[in-house]
């Protein structure tokens, strides 16, 4: 296990669950890419893929504004020198829980890409 990348993942969850967009963005490269099936549904023009911190900021701030009870419960974190696999449960009051897998690709101590998978 790569402890530096596990630390990034832990910081990612803390920032996400606090709905702290700026702390979350601080973990990413400026030109990071993000793929999510929820993005594909909510913003079909993206085909599920966005690039850059401005797009990430818009996406996450929208989610936090729409879903004030959104939080993630960590199930598993697995890391090597290049990536972290995160398995977690997405909780939102009034919605069914959703199991999620997400991969963070990490280069030079920052997230370069992230991909979300739903069960």
Protein backbone atom coordinates (compact mmCIF):
# COMPACT_ATOMS: atom_id res chain seq x y z
CA UNK A 1 0.00 0.00 0.00
CA UNK A 2 1.16 3.49 -0.80
CA UNK A 3 0.64 5.61 2.31
CA UNK A 4 0.93 8.97 0.49
CA UNK A 5 -1.87 8.03 -1.89
CA UNK A 6 -3.98 6.68 0.96
CA UNK A 7 -3.55 10.06 2.65
CA UNK A 8 -4.83 11.79 -0.50
CA UNK A 9 -7.87 9.51 -0.51
CA UNK A 10 -8.55 10.16 3.18
CA UNK A 11 -8.30 13.92 2.60
CA UNK A 12 -10.62 13.52 -0.41
CA UNK A 13 -13.33 11.91 1.74
CA UNK A 14 -12.94 14.50 4.50
CA UNK A 15 -13.30 17.40 2.05
CA UNK A 16 -16.20 15.74 0.25
CA UNK A 17 -18.15 14.98 3.41
CA UNK A 18 -17.59 18.53 4.65
CA UNK A 19 -18.80 19.80 1.24
CA UNK A 20 -15.58 21.81 1.05
CA UNK A 21 -15.11 22.30 -2.68
CA UNK A 22 -11.85 24.24 -2.41
CA UNK A 23 -10.18 21.60 -0.21
CA UNK A 24 -11.37 18.94 -2.63
CA UNK A 25 -10.00 20.84 -5.63
CA UNK A 26 -6.64 21.33 -3.90
CA UNK A 27 -6.07 17.58 -4.33
CA UNK A 28 -6.37 17.77 -8.14
CA UNK A 29 -4.13 18.86 -11.00
CA UNK A 30 -5.44 21.95 -12.81
CA UNK A 31 -6.26 19.90 -15.93
CA UNK A 32 -7.60 16.80 -14.15
CA UNK A 33 -10.32 14.79 -15.86
CA UNK A 34 -13.34 13.24 -14.15
CA UNK A 35 -15.83 10.67 -15.42
CA UNK A 36 -19.11 9.82 -13.71
CA UNK A 37 -22.34 8.13 -14.80
CA UNK A 38 -24.24 10.74 -12.75
CA UNK A 39 -22.53 13.48 -14.77
CA UNK A 40 -23.66 11.77 -17.95
CA UNK A 41 -27.28 11.83 -16.74
CA UNK A 42 -27.30 15.32 -15.21
CA UNK A 43 -25.24 16.99 -17.96
CA UNK A 44 -25.67 14.80 -21.08
CA UNK A 45 -23.64 17.21 -23.22
CA UNK A 46 -20.51 16.15 -21.29
CA UNK A 47 -21.00 12.45 -22.10
CA UNK A 48 -20.00 11.95 -18.46
CA UNK A 49 -16.53 13.51 -18.79
CA UNK A 50 -15.33 16.90 -17.57
CA UNK A 51 -11.87 18.46 -17.55
CA UNK A 52 -10.27 21.06 -15.29
CA UNK A 53 -10.85 22.53 -11.87
CA UNK A 54 -13.50 25.00 -13.02
CA UNK A 55 -15.67 22.17 -14.35
CA UNK A 56 -15.06 20.11 -11.20
CA UNK A 57 -15.96 23.08 -9.01
CA UNK A 58 -19.23 23.63 -10.90
CA UNK A 59 -20.12 19.92 -10.75
CA UNK A 60 -19.45 19.44 -7.05
CA UNK A 61 -20.94 22.75 -5.94
CA UNK A 62 -24.12 21.90 -7.82
CA UNK A 63 -24.25 18.49 -6.09
CA UNK A 64 -23.67 20.00 -2.64
CA UNK A 65 -26.31 22.70 -3.23
CA UNK A 66 -28.91 20.21 -4.52
CA UNK A 67 -28.12 17.47 -1.99
CA UNK A 68 -27.26 19.03 1.37
CA UNK A 69 -27.25 15.61 3.11
CA UNK A 70 -24.89 13.98 0.57
CA UNK A 71 -22.11 12.03 2.26
CA UNK A 72 -19.88 9.08 1.50
CA UNK A 73 -19.13 6.15 3.81
CA UNK A 74 -15.78 4.49 3.14
CA UNK A 75 -15.85 0.73 2.71
CA UNK A 76 -12.42 0.01 1.20
CA UNK A 77 -9.32 1.93 0.15
CA UNK A 78 -6.59 0.20 -1.85
CA UNK A 79 -3.58 2.13 -3.08
CA UNK A 80 -0.39 1.66 -5.04
CA UNK A 81 2.08 4.22 -6.35
CA UNK A 82 -0.14 5.28 -9.27
CA UNK A 83 -3.75 4.98 -8.13
CA UNK A 84 -6.25 4.51 -5.36
CA UNK A 85 -9.33 2.35 -5.62
CA UNK A 86 -12.08 3.57 -3.32
CA UNK A 87 -15.25 1.67 -2.54
CA UNK A 88 -17.89 3.63 -0.67
CA UNK A 89 -21.60 4.05 -0.05
CA UNK A 90 -23.32 7.22 -1.25
CA UNK A 91 -25.91 8.39 1.28
CA UNK A 92 -28.54 11.06 0.61
CA UNK A 93 -31.62 11.49 2.81
CA UNK A 94 -34.70 10.29 0.95
CA UNK A 95 -32.74 8.26 -1.64
CA UNK A 96 -31.63 4.65 -1.70
CA UNK A 97 -28.00 4.12 -0.73
CA UNK A 98 -25.71 3.55 -3.70
CA UNK A 99 -22.51 1.48 -3.67
CA UNK A 100 -19.79 3.23 -5.63
CA UNK A 101 -16.32 2.35 -6.86
CA UNK A 102 -13.96 5.15 -7.82
CA UNK A 103 -10.42 5.14 -9.13
CA UNK A 104 -8.09 8.09 -8.54
CA UNK A 105 -5.09 8.26 -10.88
CA UNK A 106 -2.34 10.13 -9.02
CA UNK A 107 0.77 11.76 -10.48
CA UNK A 108 3.23 13.94 -8.59
CA UNK A 109 1.08 13.94 -5.48
CA UNK A 110 -2.10 15.22 -7.18
CA UNK A 111 -5.14 13.55 -8.72
CA UNK A 112 -4.83 13.61 -12.52
CA UNK A 113 -7.97 11.61 -13.29
CA UNK A 114 -10.91 10.05 -11.52
CA UNK A 115 -13.47 7.53 -12.73
CA UNK A 116 -16.70 6.61 -10.94
CA UNK A 117 -18.49 3.25 -11.26
CA UNK A 118 -21.93 2.47 -9.81
CA UNK A 119 -23.39 -0.87 -8.88
